[in-house]
Amino acid sequence: MIIEQLKSVMLQIGQGLSAQHMGEMSATVEQIDRRSQNFQLAGGQGRIILIASTDPLGPAFDFVVDLAKQTSSIIEVLYVTPAGETKSTFNSLLNKLGDLSCDFQITYLTGNLFEKIAGYSTQREDIMSVVCSSREPFTEELKSAPRTLEPALRFTFPTVLLVSNHILA
């Protein structure tokens, strides 16, 4: 009896947290959508960036595809080659991207991930959002990156949305 009550309470808590995350995500998506519309009115086409490595087809992939379709943006994958990479992971990503009705581009990143992302985003006004799966090995570093970078890079480092099962982490 007590276990069933506890399960019920936990379910209610989980539903409340899920609704809170979905509310945060919809507000973020609305901001991205407005920015994308303004960019398109100025004659440009936005890009939704997916940082991927060991989990390129994880929850962030679906989020990026939905966001790109909603905002009529190009999907750009910043692919960080993982240690011990298998070709099947990358081939799966290519096949999945090839099946989409969105334009896409893949860019390989080598070297210091955070310097590359900061340098990459300063050159690009067409970046509407940068997204990463919370299951990628470098997510903890991404969360703390703006604080640990040199001041010049801190200013240019983009906000990275970490997605876990279609919920912002």
Protein backbone atom coordinates (compact mmCIF):
# COMPACT_ATOMS: atom_id res chain seq x y z
CA MET A 1 0.00 0.00 0.00
CA ILE A 2 2.75 2.45 0.95
CA ILE A 3 4.75 1.51 -2.13
CA GLU A 4 1.79 2.29 -4.41
CA GLN A 5 1.31 5.69 -2.74
CA LEU A 6 5.01 6.40 -3.10
CA LYS A 7 4.88 5.46 -6.80
CA SER A 8 1.91 7.79 -7.28
CA VAL A 9 3.71 10.68 -5.60
CA MET A 10 6.89 10.05 -7.63
CA LEU A 11 4.85 9.95 -10.84
CA GLN A 12 3.27 13.31 -10.00
CA ILE A 13 6.67 14.82 -9.23
CA GLY A 14 8.06 13.47 -12.50
CA GLN A 15 5.14 14.86 -14.48
CA GLY A 16 5.61 18.26 -12.84
CA LEU A 17 9.32 18.31 -13.65
CA SER A 18 8.62 17.20 -17.22
CA ALA A 19 6.07 19.98 -17.69
CA GLN A 20 8.57 22.49 -16.28
CA HIS A 21 11.27 21.36 -18.72
CA MET A 22 8.83 21.37 -21.64
CA GLY A 23 7.82 24.93 -20.73
CA GLU A 24 11.46 26.00 -20.67
CA MET A 25 12.07 24.26 -23.98
CA SER A 26 9.04 25.83 -25.69
CA ALA A 27 10.16 29.31 -24.56
CA THR A 28 13.64 28.62 -25.94
CA VAL A 29 12.23 27.29 -29.21
CA GLU A 30 10.05 30.40 -29.53
CA GLN A 31 13.11 32.64 -29.10
CA ILE A 32 15.02 30.66 -31.72
CA ASP A 33 12.02 30.78 -34.06
CA ARG A 34 11.70 34.59 -33.70
CA ARG A 35 15.43 35.06 -34.30
CA SER A 36 15.25 32.82 -37.35
CA GLN A 37 12.28 34.73 -38.78
CA ASN A 38 14.12 38.04 -38.34
CA PHE A 39 17.21 36.59 -39.99
CA GLN A 40 15.14 35.32 -42.94
CA LEU A 41 13.46 38.72 -43.32
CA ALA A 42 16.96 40.17 -43.70
CA GLY A 43 17.59 37.70 -46.54
CA GLY A 44 19.53 34.99 -44.73
CA GLN A 45 19.00 31.35 -43.91
CA GLY A 46 19.71 30.25 -40.37
CA ARG A 47 21.62 27.22 -39.21
CA ILE A 48 20.90 24.89 -36.33
CA ILE A 49 24.18 23.41 -35.13
CA LEU A 50 24.44 19.90 -33.68
CA ILE A 51 27.66 19.08 -31.84
CA ALA A 52 28.04 15.32 -32.15
CA SER A 53 30.58 12.64 -31.37
CA THR A 54 29.72 9.30 -29.80
CA ASP A 55 25.94 9.89 -29.82
CA PRO A 56 25.16 11.60 -33.15
CA LEU A 57 21.70 10.05 -33.44
CA GLY A 58 20.75 10.60 -29.80
CA PRO A 59 17.94 12.78 -28.47
CA ALA A 60 19.56 15.99 -29.67
CA PHE A 61 19.38 14.81 -33.29
CA ASP A 62 15.58 14.62 -33.29
CA PHE A 63 15.37 17.98 -31.52
CA VAL A 64 17.65 19.58 -34.13
CA VAL A 65 15.64 18.10 -37.02
CA ASP A 66 12.36 19.38 -35.57
CA LEU A 67 13.85 22.80 -34.90
CA ALA A 68 15.39 23.05 -38.37
CA LYS A 69 12.08 22.16 -40.02
CA GLN A 70 10.16 24.62 -37.85
CA THR A 71 12.57 27.46 -38.59
CA SER A 72 13.41 26.50 -42.20
CA SER A 73 17.06 26.30 -41.20
CA ILE A 74 20.00 24.27 -42.41
CA ILE A 75 21.29 21.53 -40.12
CA GLU A 76 25.01 21.75 -39.56
CA VAL A 77 26.72 18.93 -37.71
CA LEU A 78 29.98 19.79 -35.95
CA TYR A 79 31.39 16.30 -35.80
CA VAL A 80 34.01 15.66 -33.15
CA THR A 81 35.75 12.43 -34.13
CA PRO A 82 35.55 10.15 -31.07
CA ALA A 83 38.46 8.01 -29.94
CA GLY A 84 38.09 4.54 -31.41
CA GLU A 85 35.42 5.71 -33.84
CA THR A 86 33.61 3.08 -35.84
CA LYS A 87 32.62 3.94 -39.37
CA SER A 88 29.13 2.56 -38.75
CA THR A 89 28.33 5.44 -36.35
CA PHE A 90 29.26 8.06 -38.92
CA ASN A 91 27.58 6.13 -41.76
CA SER A 92 24.38 5.90 -39.70
CA LEU A 93 24.49 9.68 -39.24
CA LEU A 94 24.98 10.22 -42.98
CA ASN A 95 22.12 7.86 -43.85
CA LYS A 96 19.77 9.53 -41.39
CA LEU A 97 20.69 13.01 -42.67
CA GLY A 98 20.26 11.85 -46.27
CA ASP A 99 16.69 10.73 -45.51
CA LEU A 100 15.67 14.20 -44.30
CA SER A 101 13.97 16.92 -46.26
CA CYS A 102 16.35 19.52 -44.74
CA ASP A 103 19.63 20.76 -46.14
CA PHE A 104 22.64 19.75 -44.07
CA GLN A 105 26.37 20.16 -43.82
CA ILE A 106 28.97 18.26 -41.81
CA THR A 107 32.05 19.99 -40.43
CA TYR A 108 34.82 18.06 -38.71
CA LEU A 109 36.30 19.56 -35.57
CA THR A 110 39.81 18.68 -34.43
CA GLY A 111 41.91 20.24 -31.71
CA ASN A 112 40.56 22.08 -28.67
CA LEU A 113 36.78 21.70 -28.87
CA PHE A 114 35.96 24.89 -26.97
CA GLU A 115 38.35 27.14 -28.85
CA LYS A 116 37.00 25.73 -32.12
CA ILE A 117 33.37 26.31 -31.11
CA ALA A 118 34.08 29.84 -29.84
CA GLY A 119 36.08 30.71 -32.97
CA TYR A 120 33.53 29.09 -35.25
CA SER A 121 30.56 30.94 -33.80
CA THR A 122 32.23 34.37 -33.96
CA GLN A 123 32.52 34.04 -37.73
CA ARG A 124 28.89 33.08 -38.21
CA GLU A 125 25.87 35.32 -37.80
CA ASP A 126 23.61 32.65 -39.28
CA ILE A 127 23.80 30.33 -36.26
CA MET A 128 20.38 30.26 -34.64
CA SER A 129 21.11 27.61 -32.03
CA VAL A 130 23.81 25.18 -30.91
CA VAL A 131 22.55 21.84 -29.58
CA CYS A 132 24.26 18.82 -28.03
CA SER A 133 23.01 15.53 -26.61
CA SER A 134 23.47 15.30 -22.86
CA ARG A 135 24.89 11.81 -23.44
CA GLU A 136 27.98 13.11 -25.28
CA PRO A 137 31.23 12.65 -23.32
CA PHE A 138 32.08 16.37 -23.26
CA THR A 139 28.77 17.78 -21.93
CA GLU A 140 30.10 18.53 -18.44
CA GLU A 141 32.92 20.47 -20.04
CA LEU A 142 30.43 22.35 -22.24
CA LYS A 143 28.45 23.40 -19.16
CA SER A 144 31.52 24.93 -17.54
CA ALA A 145 33.29 26.12 -20.71
CA PRO A 146 32.30 29.81 -20.60
CA ARG A 147 33.75 30.14 -17.08
CA THR A 148 37.01 28.36 -17.91
CA LEU A 149 37.84 30.03 -21.22
CA GLU A 150 40.01 33.07 -21.72
CA PRO A 151 37.94 36.28 -21.44
CA ALA A 152 38.09 36.93 -25.19
CA LEU A 153 36.66 33.49 -25.97
CA ARG A 154 34.11 33.66 -23.13
CA PHE A 155 32.28 36.49 -24.85
CA THR A 156 31.97 34.63 -28.14
CA PHE A 157 31.14 31.15 -26.81
CA PRO A 158 27.57 30.32 -27.86
CA THR A 159 24.85 29.11 -25.53
CA VAL A 160 24.67 25.34 -26.02
CA LEU A 161 21.32 23.62 -25.46
CA LEU A 162 21.85 20.21 -23.89
CA VAL A 163 19.01 17.85 -24.81
CA SER A 164 18.07 14.63 -23.07
CA ASN A 165 15.12 12.66 -24.46
CA HIS A 166 13.59 15.80 -26.02
CA ILE A 167 13.91 17.71 -22.72
CA LEU A 168 16.45 20.44 -22.13
CA ALA A 169 18.95 19.18 -19.58
